[in-house]
Amino acid sequence: MCGGTVAPDGHCWDCGASQPAYRSHLETTLGTVAAGVSDRGKRRGVNADAMALTGTGDWTIGVVCDGVSMSPRAERAAQVAAAVAAVRLDR
């Protein structure tokens, strides 16, 4: 991946390389305190998992939600669940 513009066919307009599928690789960080990585599995076209990181006081909180891939919009449900849980736990 050269960082160029991705065309509608999923390839880079600049170098022609095939680009990763939507949500196939996700990364998140909380400053220099914590990080999380999630990759798409071999059987599904979309990574339905989600994660969120937050911190309160001396605590670092990581929330991971396993998307139920057979459900409609599983990736969105997992994203909402992770975000809401992180906000709730940060209180």
PDB file of N, CA and C in Angstrom:
ATOM      1  N   MET A   1       0.840  -1.177   0.000  1.00  0.00           N
ATOM      2  CA  MET A   1       0.000   0.000   0.000  1.00  0.00           C
ATOM      3  C   MET A   1       0.885   1.240   0.000  1.00  0.00           C
ATOM      4  N   CYS A   2       0.666   2.082  -0.962  1.00  0.00           N
ATOM      5  CA  CYS A   2       1.499   3.280  -1.075  1.00  0.00           C
ATOM      6  C   CYS A   2       0.855   4.498  -0.419  1.00  0.00           C
ATOM      7  N   GLY A   3      -0.387   4.369   0.032  1.00  0.00           N
ATOM      8  CA  GLY A   3      -1.078   5.498   0.640  1.00  0.00           C
ATOM      9  C   GLY A   3      -1.820   6.351  -0.360  1.00  0.00           C
ATOM     10  N   GLY A   4      -1.922   5.867  -1.589  1.00  0.00           N
ATOM     11  CA  GLY A   4      -2.621   6.607  -2.632  1.00  0.00           C
ATOM     12  C   GLY A   4      -4.132   6.518  -2.493  1.00  0.00           C
ATOM     13  N   THR A   5      -4.821   7.054  -3.471  1.00  0.00           N
ATOM     14  CA  THR A   5      -6.284   7.077  -3.481  1.00  0.00           C
ATOM     15  C   THR A   5      -6.832   5.722  -3.893  1.00  0.00           C
ATOM     16  N   VAL A   6      -7.822   5.233  -3.151  1.00  0.00           N
ATOM     17  CA  VAL A   6      -8.425   3.942  -3.456  1.00  0.00           C
ATOM     18  C   VAL A   6      -9.581   4.154  -4.434  1.00  0.00           C
ATOM     19  N   ALA A   7      -9.551   3.417  -5.530  1.00  0.00           N
ATOM     20  CA  ALA A   7     -10.594   3.493  -6.553  1.00  0.00           C
ATOM     21  C   ALA A   7     -11.801   2.668  -6.125  1.00  0.00           C
ATOM     22  N   PRO A   8     -12.958   2.876  -6.763  1.00  0.00           N
ATOM     23  CA  PRO A   8     -14.157   2.111  -6.413  1.00  0.00           C
ATOM     24  C   PRO A   8     -14.004   0.599  -6.548  1.00  0.00           C
ATOM     25  N   ASP A   9     -13.061   0.137  -7.375  1.00  0.00           N
ATOM     26  CA  ASP A   9     -12.871  -1.311  -7.536  1.00  0.00           C
ATOM     27  C   ASP A   9     -11.998  -1.916  -6.448  1.00  0.00           C
ATOM     28  N   GLY A  10     -11.538  -1.095  -5.480  1.00  0.00           N
ATOM     29  CA  GLY A  10     -10.747  -1.598  -4.358  1.00  0.00           C
ATOM     30  C   GLY A  10      -9.253  -1.615  -4.608  1.00  0.00           C
ATOM     31  N   HIS A  11      -8.800  -1.035  -5.701  1.00  0.00           N
ATOM     32  CA  HIS A  11      -7.375  -0.975  -6.005  1.00  0.00           C
ATOM     33  C   HIS A  11      -6.885   0.474  -5.914  1.00  0.00           C
ATOM     34  N   CYS A  12      -5.594   0.632  -5.652  1.00  0.00           N
ATOM     35  CA  CYS A  12      -4.995   1.962  -5.552  1.00  0.00           C
ATOM     36  C   CYS A  12      -4.861   2.572  -6.942  1.00  0.00           C
ATOM     37  N   TRP A  13      -5.273   3.809  -7.100  1.00  0.00           N
ATOM     38  CA  TRP A  13      -5.161   4.499  -8.385  1.00  0.00           C
ATOM     39  C   TRP A  13      -3.710   4.803  -8.711  1.00  0.00           C
ATOM     40  N   ASP A  14      -2.859   4.938  -7.696  1.00  0.00           N
ATOM     41  CA  ASP A  14      -1.465   5.308  -7.926  1.00  0.00           C
ATOM     42  C   ASP A  14      -0.577   4.106  -8.247  1.00  0.00           C
ATOM     43  N   CYS A  15      -0.656   3.049  -7.433  1.00  0.00           N
ATOM     44  CA  CYS A  15       0.239   1.904  -7.634  1.00  0.00           C
ATOM     45  C   CYS A  15      -0.466   0.663  -8.171  1.00  0.00           C
ATOM     46  N   GLY A  16      -1.812   0.636  -8.124  1.00  0.00           N
ATOM     47  CA  GLY A  16      -2.573  -0.496  -8.653  1.00  0.00           C
ATOM     48  C   GLY A  16      -2.744  -1.670  -7.702  1.00  0.00           C
ATOM     49  N   ALA A  17      -2.155  -1.575  -6.508  1.00  0.00           N
ATOM     50  CA  ALA A  17      -2.239  -2.675  -5.547  1.00  0.00           C
ATOM     51  C   ALA A  17      -3.658  -2.816  -5.000  1.00  0.00           C
ATOM     52  N   SER A  18      -4.058  -4.055  -4.734  1.00  0.00           N
ATOM     53  CA  SER A  18      -5.350  -4.325  -4.110  1.00  0.00           C
ATOM     54  C   SER A  18      -5.321  -3.825  -2.674  1.00  0.00           C
ATOM     55  N   GLN A  19      -6.350  -3.121  -2.272  1.00  0.00           N
ATOM     56  CA  GLN A  19      -6.409  -2.544  -0.932  1.00  0.00           C
ATOM     57  C   GLN A  19      -7.185  -3.466   0.007  1.00  0.00           C
ATOM     58  N   PRO A  20      -6.917  -3.400   1.312  1.00  0.00           N
ATOM     59  CA  PRO A  20      -7.628  -4.257   2.271  1.00  0.00           C
ATOM     60  C   PRO A  20      -9.138  -4.006   2.223  1.00  0.00           C
ATOM     61  N   ALA A  21      -9.887  -5.060   2.477  1.00  0.00           N
ATOM     62  CA  ALA A  21     -11.345  -4.959   2.521  1.00  0.00           C
ATOM     63  C   ALA A  21     -11.774  -4.068   3.682  1.00  0.00           C
ATOM     64  N   TYR A  22     -12.974  -3.552   3.589  1.00  0.00           N
ATOM     65  CA  TYR A  22     -13.535  -2.691   4.618  1.00  0.00           C
ATOM     66  C   TYR A  22     -13.434  -3.337   5.992  1.00  0.00           C
ATOM     67  N   ARG A  23     -12.873  -2.637   6.952  1.00  0.00           N
ATOM     68  CA  ARG A  23     -12.716  -3.081   8.333  1.00  0.00           C
ATOM     69  C   ARG A  23     -11.883  -4.352   8.479  1.00  0.00           C
ATOM     70  N   SER A  24     -11.056  -4.705   7.503  1.00  0.00           N
ATOM     71  CA  SER A  24     -10.290  -5.947   7.615  1.00  0.00           C
ATOM     72  C   SER A  24      -9.199  -5.857   8.683  1.00  0.00           C
ATOM     73  N   HIS A  25      -8.698  -4.662   8.928  1.00  0.00           N
ATOM     74  CA  HIS A  25      -7.668  -4.467   9.949  1.00  0.00           C
ATOM     75  C   HIS A  25      -7.989  -3.176  10.707  1.00  0.00           C
ATOM     76  N   LEU A  26      -8.182  -3.297  12.013  1.00  0.00           N
ATOM     77  CA  LEU A  26      -8.518  -2.143  12.844  1.00  0.00           C
ATOM     78  C   LEU A  26      -7.448  -1.949  13.910  1.00  0.00           C
ATOM     79  N   GLU A  27      -7.083  -0.710  14.144  1.00  0.00           N
ATOM     80  CA  GLU A  27      -6.137  -0.378  15.212  1.00  0.00           C
ATOM     81  C   GLU A  27      -6.691   0.789  16.011  1.00  0.00           C
ATOM     82  N   THR A  28      -6.453   0.770  17.319  1.00  0.00           N
ATOM     83  CA  THR A  28      -6.836   1.888  18.170  1.00  0.00           C
ATOM     84  C   THR A  28      -5.767   2.056  19.244  1.00  0.00           C
ATOM     85  N   THR A  29      -5.568   3.277  19.682  1.00  0.00           N
ATOM     86  CA  THR A  29      -4.598   3.548  20.740  1.00  0.00           C
ATOM     87  C   THR A  29      -5.198   4.518  21.754  1.00  0.00           C
ATOM     88  N   LEU A  30      -4.657   4.465  22.935  1.00  0.00           N
ATOM     89  CA  LEU A  30      -4.990   5.415  23.987  1.00  0.00           C
ATOM     90  C   LEU A  30      -3.674   6.066  24.392  1.00  0.00           C
ATOM     91  N   GLY A  31      -3.272   7.064  23.598  1.00  0.00           N
ATOM     92  CA  GLY A  31      -1.980   7.707  23.831  1.00  0.00           C
ATOM     93  C   GLY A  31      -0.862   6.684  23.769  1.00  0.00           C
ATOM     94  N   THR A  32       0.011   6.718  24.764  1.00  0.00           N
ATOM     95  CA  THR A  32       1.094   5.735  24.842  1.00  0.00           C
ATOM     96  C   THR A  32       0.805   4.677  25.898  1.00  0.00           C
ATOM     97  N   VAL A  33      -0.440   4.642  26.380  1.00  0.00           N
ATOM     98  CA  VAL A  33      -0.807   3.759  27.487  1.00  0.00           C
ATOM     99  C   VAL A  33      -1.254   2.377  27.020  1.00  0.00           C
ATOM    100  N   ALA A  34      -2.075   2.325  25.974  1.00  0.00           N
ATOM    101  CA  ALA A  34      -2.650   1.052  25.545  1.00  0.00           C
ATOM    102  C   ALA A  34      -2.938   1.085  24.048  1.00  0.00           C
ATOM    103  N   ALA A  35      -3.024  -0.102  23.471  1.00  0.00           N
ATOM    104  CA  ALA A  35      -3.341  -0.218  22.047  1.00  0.00           C
ATOM    105  C   ALA A  35      -4.124  -1.504  21.822  1.00  0.00           C
ATOM    106  N   GLY A  36      -4.883  -1.529  20.740  1.00  0.00           N
ATOM    107  CA  GLY A  36      -5.631  -2.720  20.376  1.00  0.00           C
ATOM    108  C   GLY A  36      -5.614  -2.902  18.869  1.00  0.00           C
ATOM    109  N   VAL A  37      -5.593  -4.166  18.438  1.00  0.00           N
ATOM    110  CA  VAL A  37      -5.598  -4.503  17.016  1.00  0.00           C
ATOM    111  C   VAL A  37      -6.585  -5.636  16.800  1.00  0.00           C
ATOM    112  N   SER A  38      -7.343  -5.549  15.722  1.00  0.00           N
ATOM    113  CA  SER A  38      -8.290  -6.598  15.367  1.00  0.00           C
ATOM    114  C   SER A  38      -8.227  -6.820  13.861  1.00  0.00           C
ATOM    115  N   ASP A  39      -8.141  -8.079  13.463  1.00  0.00           N
ATOM    116  CA  ASP A  39      -8.091  -8.428  12.043  1.00  0.00           C
ATOM    117  C   ASP A  39      -9.274  -9.312  11.661  1.00  0.00           C
ATOM    118  N   ARG A  40      -9.677  -9.178  10.412  1.00  0.00           N
ATOM    119  CA  ARG A  40     -10.756 -10.011   9.863  1.00  0.00           C
ATOM    120  C   ARG A  40     -10.291 -11.461   9.839  1.00  0.00           C
ATOM    121  N   GLY A  41     -11.200 -12.355  10.136  1.00  0.00           N
ATOM    122  CA  GLY A  41     -10.883 -13.777  10.087  1.00  0.00           C
ATOM    123  C   GLY A  41     -10.857 -14.291   8.656  1.00  0.00           C
ATOM    124  N   LYS A  42     -10.602 -15.552   8.502  1.00  0.00           N
ATOM    125  CA  LYS A  42     -10.483 -16.154   7.172  1.00  0.00           C
ATOM    126  C   LYS A  42     -11.826 -16.477   6.530  1.00  0.00           C
ATOM    127  N   ARG A  43     -12.883 -16.565   7.314  1.00  0.00           N
ATOM    128  CA  ARG A  43     -14.178 -16.996   6.784  1.00  0.00           C
ATOM    129  C   ARG A  43     -15.130 -15.871   6.424  1.00  0.00           C
ATOM    130  N   ARG A  44     -14.946 -14.698   6.954  1.00  0.00           N
ATOM    131  CA  ARG A  44     -15.900 -13.607   6.751  1.00  0.00           C
ATOM    132  C   ARG A  44     -15.281 -12.493   5.925  1.00  0.00           C
ATOM    133  N   GLY A  45     -16.109 -11.771   5.201  1.00  0.00           N
ATOM    134  CA  GLY A  45     -15.634 -10.668   4.385  1.00  0.00           C
ATOM    135  C   GLY A  45     -15.458  -9.379   5.153  1.00  0.00           C
ATOM    136  N   VAL A  46     -16.098  -9.267   6.317  1.00  0.00           N
ATOM    137  CA  VAL A  46     -16.039  -8.050   7.125  1.00  0.00           C
ATOM    138  C   VAL A  46     -15.648  -8.416   8.552  1.00  0.00           C
ATOM    139  N   ASN A  47     -14.814  -7.604   9.161  1.00  0.00           N
ATOM    140  CA  ASN A  47     -14.457  -7.782  10.566  1.00  0.00           C
ATOM    141  C   ASN A  47     -15.607  -7.210  11.403  1.00  0.00           C
ATOM    142  N   ALA A  48     -16.377  -8.069  12.026  1.00  0.00           N
ATOM    143  CA  ALA A  48     -17.548  -7.624  12.792  1.00  0.00           C
ATOM    144  C   ALA A  48     -17.203  -7.277  14.237  1.00  0.00           C
ATOM    145  N   ASP A  49     -15.958  -7.432  14.638  1.00  0.00           N
ATOM    146  CA  ASP A  49     -15.554  -7.143  16.011  1.00  0.00           C
ATOM    147  C   ASP A  49     -15.288  -5.651  16.188  1.00  0.00           C
ATOM    148  N   ALA A  50     -15.337  -5.197  17.435  1.00  0.00           N
ATOM    149  CA  ALA A  50     -15.077  -3.795  17.741  1.00  0.00           C
ATOM    150  C   ALA A  50     -14.380  -3.699  19.088  1.00  0.00           C
ATOM    151  N   MET A  51     -13.696  -2.575  19.291  1.00  0.00           N
ATOM    152  CA  MET A  51     -13.007  -2.348  20.562  1.00  0.00           C
ATOM    153  C   MET A  51     -12.980  -0.864  20.866  1.00  0.00           C
ATOM    154  N   ALA A  52     -12.814  -0.568  22.141  1.00  0.00           N
ATOM    155  CA  ALA A  52     -12.709   0.819  22.593  1.00  0.00           C
ATOM    156  C   ALA A  52     -11.758   0.851  23.778  1.00  0.00           C
ATOM    157  N   LEU A  53     -10.992   1.913  23.872  1.00  0.00           N
ATOM    158  CA  LEU A  53     -10.075   2.114  24.991  1.00  0.00           C
ATOM    159  C   LEU A  53     -10.400   3.432  25.661  1.00  0.00           C
ATOM    160  N   THR A  54     -10.337   3.432  26.971  1.00  0.00           N
ATOM    161  CA  THR A  54     -10.557   4.657  27.731  1.00  0.00           C
ATOM    162  C   THR A  54      -9.762   4.561  29.029  1.00  0.00           C
ATOM    163  N   GLY A  55      -9.623   5.652  29.685  1.00  0.00           N
ATOM    164  CA  GLY A  55      -8.900   5.656  30.948  1.00  0.00           C
ATOM    165  C   GLY A  55      -9.551   6.588  31.936  1.00  0.00           C
ATOM    166  N   THR A  56      -9.473   6.213  33.196  1.00  0.00           N
ATOM    167  CA  THR A  56     -10.001   7.052  34.261  1.00  0.00           C
ATOM    168  C   THR A  56      -9.075   6.908  35.463  1.00  0.00           C
ATOM    169  N   GLY A  57      -8.526   8.005  35.886  1.00  0.00           N
ATOM    170  CA  GLY A  57      -7.571   7.953  37.001  1.00  0.00           C
ATOM    171  C   GLY A  57      -6.376   7.092  36.643  1.00  0.00           C
ATOM    172  N   ASP A  58      -6.062   6.140  37.501  1.00  0.00           N
ATOM    173  CA  ASP A  58      -4.948   5.223  37.259  1.00  0.00           C
ATOM    174  C   ASP A  58      -5.355   4.011  36.423  1.00  0.00           C
ATOM    175  N   TRP A  59      -6.612   3.917  36.058  1.00  0.00           N
ATOM    176  CA  TRP A  59      -7.138   2.750  35.353  1.00  0.00           C
ATOM    177  C   TRP A  59      -7.158   2.959  33.843  1.00  0.00           C
ATOM    178  N   THR A  60      -6.823   1.904  33.128  1.00  0.00           N
ATOM    179  CA  THR A  60      -6.998   1.843  31.676  1.00  0.00           C
ATOM    180  C   THR A  60      -8.045   0.772  31.410  1.00  0.00           C
ATOM    181  N   ILE A  61      -9.053   1.122  30.636  1.00  0.00           N
ATOM    182  CA  ILE A  61     -10.172   0.217  30.400  1.00  0.00           C
ATOM    183  C   ILE A  61     -10.229  -0.133  28.923  1.00  0.00           C
ATOM    184  N   GLY A  62     -10.248  -1.422  28.637  1.00  0.00           N
ATOM    185  CA  GLY A  62     -10.397  -1.913  27.268  1.00  0.00           C
ATOM    186  C   GLY A  62     -11.693  -2.683  27.147  1.00  0.00           C
ATOM    187  N   VAL A  63     -12.466  -2.372  26.136  1.00  0.00           N
ATOM    188  CA  VAL A  63     -13.732  -3.070  25.878  1.00  0.00           C
ATOM    189  C   VAL A  63     -13.624  -3.742  24.520  1.00  0.00           C
ATOM    190  N   VAL A  64     -13.916  -5.027  24.462  1.00  0.00           N
ATOM    191  CA  VAL A  64     -13.896  -5.777  23.211  1.00  0.00           C
ATOM    192  C   VAL A  64     -15.257  -6.416  23.024  1.00  0.00           C
ATOM    193  N   CYS A  65     -15.841  -6.222  21.843  1.00  0.00           N
ATOM    194  CA  CYS A  65     -17.140  -6.817  21.525  1.00  0.00           C
ATOM    195  C   CYS A  65     -16.988  -7.689  20.294  1.00  0.00           C
ATOM    196  N   ASP A  66     -17.373  -8.934  20.444  1.00  0.00           N
ATOM    197  CA  ASP A  66     -17.320  -9.905  19.357  1.00  0.00           C
ATOM    198  C   ASP A  66     -18.615  -9.808  18.567  1.00  0.00           C
ATOM    199  N   GLY A  67     -18.550  -9.295  17.343  1.00  0.00           N
ATOM    200  CA  GLY A  67     -19.746  -9.162  16.518  1.00  0.00           C
ATOM    201  C   GLY A  67     -20.283 -10.509  16.088  1.00  0.00           C
ATOM    202  N   VAL A  68     -21.579 -10.682  16.147  1.00  0.00           N
ATOM    203  CA  VAL A  68     -22.226 -11.922  15.714  1.00  0.00           C
ATOM    204  C   VAL A  68     -22.393 -11.820  14.200  1.00  0.00           C
ATOM    205  N   SER A  69     -21.469 -12.434  13.474  1.00  0.00           N
ATOM    206  CA  SER A  69     -21.356 -12.214  12.038  1.00  0.00           C
ATOM    207  C   SER A  69     -22.591 -12.604  11.228  1.00  0.00           C
ATOM    208  N   MET A  70     -23.427 -13.447  11.749  1.00  0.00           N
ATOM    209  CA  MET A  70     -24.624 -13.860  11.019  1.00  0.00           C
ATOM    210  C   MET A  70     -25.780 -12.872  11.204  1.00  0.00           C
ATOM    211  N   SER A  71     -25.602 -11.879  12.043  1.00  0.00           N
ATOM    212  CA  SER A  71     -26.629 -10.865  12.283  1.00  0.00           C
ATOM    213  C   SER A  71     -26.470  -9.717  11.295  1.00  0.00           C
ATOM    214  N   PRO A  72     -27.583  -9.076  10.922  1.00  0.00           N
ATOM    215  CA  PRO A  72     -27.455  -7.914  10.050  1.00  0.00           C
ATOM    216  C   PRO A  72     -26.729  -6.775  10.772  1.00  0.00           C
ATOM    217  N   ARG A  73     -25.796  -6.135  10.093  1.00  0.00           N
ATOM    218  CA  ARG A  73     -25.028  -5.000  10.624  1.00  0.00           C
ATOM    219  C   ARG A  73     -24.301  -5.344  11.933  1.00  0.00           C
ATOM    220  N   ALA A  74     -23.759  -6.537  11.991  1.00  0.00           N
ATOM    221  CA  ALA A  74     -23.069  -7.001  13.204  1.00  0.00           C
ATOM    222  C   ALA A  74     -21.919  -6.081  13.582  1.00  0.00           C
ATOM    223  N   GLU A  75     -21.208  -5.554  12.586  1.00  0.00           N
ATOM    224  CA  GLU A  75     -20.077  -4.670  12.890  1.00  0.00           C
ATOM    225  C   GLU A  75     -20.546  -3.370  13.539  1.00  0.00           C
ATOM    226  N   ARG A  76     -21.681  -2.858  13.113  1.00  0.00           N
ATOM    227  CA  ARG A  76     -22.219  -1.615  13.696  1.00  0.00           C
ATOM    228  C   ARG A  76     -22.706  -1.861  15.129  1.00  0.00           C
ATOM    229  N   ALA A  77     -23.369  -2.981  15.350  1.00  0.00           N
ATOM    230  CA  ALA A  77     -23.836  -3.314  16.702  1.00  0.00           C
ATOM    231  C   ALA A  77     -22.656  -3.445  17.664  1.00  0.00           C
ATOM    232  N   ALA A  78     -21.582  -4.075  17.211  1.00  0.00           N
ATOM    233  CA  ALA A  78     -20.398  -4.234  18.059  1.00  0.00           C
ATOM    234  C   ALA A  78     -19.750  -2.885  18.339  1.00  0.00           C
ATOM    235  N   GLN A  79     -19.712  -2.000  17.329  1.00  0.00           N
ATOM    236  CA  GLN A  79     -19.139  -0.665  17.523  1.00  0.00           C
ATOM    237  C   GLN A  79     -19.922   0.126  18.562  1.00  0.00           C
ATOM    238  N   VAL A  80     -21.242   0.107  18.453  1.00  0.00           N
ATOM    239  CA  VAL A  80     -22.087   0.843  19.410  1.00  0.00           C
ATOM    240  C   VAL A  80     -21.915   0.273  20.812  1.00  0.00           C
ATOM    241  N   ALA A  81     -21.926  -1.056  20.925  1.00  0.00           N
ATOM    242  CA  ALA A  81     -21.781  -1.690  22.233  1.00  0.00           C
ATOM    243  C   ALA A  81     -20.441  -1.333  22.883  1.00  0.00           C
ATOM    244  N   ALA A  82     -19.358  -1.357  22.113  1.00  0.00           N
ATOM    245  CA  ALA A  82     -18.039  -1.033  22.664  1.00  0.00           C
ATOM    246  C   ALA A  82     -17.969   0.429  23.096  1.00  0.00           C
ATOM    247  N   ALA A  83     -18.497   1.322  22.279  1.00  0.00           N
ATOM    248  CA  ALA A  83     -18.458   2.750  22.613  1.00  0.00           C
ATOM    249  C   ALA A  83     -19.293   3.060  23.853  1.00  0.00           C
ATOM    250  N   VAL A  84     -20.488   2.510  23.932  1.00  0.00           N
ATOM    251  CA  VAL A  84     -21.365   2.762  25.077  1.00  0.00           C
ATOM    252  C   VAL A  84     -20.771   2.178  26.349  1.00  0.00           C
ATOM    253  N   ALA A  85     -20.216   0.970  26.262  1.00  0.00           N
ATOM    254  CA  ALA A  85     -19.614   0.349  27.445  1.00  0.00           C
ATOM    255  C   ALA A  85     -18.412   1.149  27.928  1.00  0.00           C
ATOM    256  N   ALA A  86     -17.599   1.652  27.007  1.00  0.00           N
ATOM    257  CA  ALA A  86     -16.428   2.438  27.394  1.00  0.00           C
ATOM    258  C   ALA A  86     -16.834   3.717  28.104  1.00  0.00           C
ATOM    259  N   VAL A  87     -17.854   4.382  27.591  1.00  0.00           N
ATOM    260  CA  VAL A  87     -18.334   5.615  28.231  1.00  0.00           C
ATOM    261  C   VAL A  87     -18.885   5.311  29.612  1.00  0.00           C
ATOM    262  N   ARG A  88     -19.648   4.242  29.712  1.00  0.00           N
ATOM    263  CA  ARG A  88     -20.261   3.864  30.999  1.00  0.00           C
ATOM    264  C   ARG A  88     -19.205   3.481  32.038  1.00  0.00           C
ATOM    265  N   LEU A  89     -18.206   2.734  31.635  1.00  0.00           N
ATOM    266  CA  LEU A  89     -17.157   2.299  32.547  1.00  0.00           C
ATOM    267  C   LEU A  89     -16.200   3.421  32.930  1.00  0.00           C
ATOM    268  N   ASP A  90     -16.171   4.469  32.140  1.00  0.00           N
ATOM    269  CA  ASP A  90     -15.275   5.600  32.386  1.00  0.00           C
ATOM    270  C   ASP A  90     -15.782   6.515  33.488  1.00  0.00           C
ATOM    271  N   ARG A  91     -16.967   6.296  33.990  1.00  0.00           N
ATOM    272  CA  ARG A  91     -17.555   7.155  35.037  1.00  0.00           C
ATOM    273  C   ARG A  91     -16.984   6.892  36.392  1.00  0.00           C
TER     274      ARG A  91
END
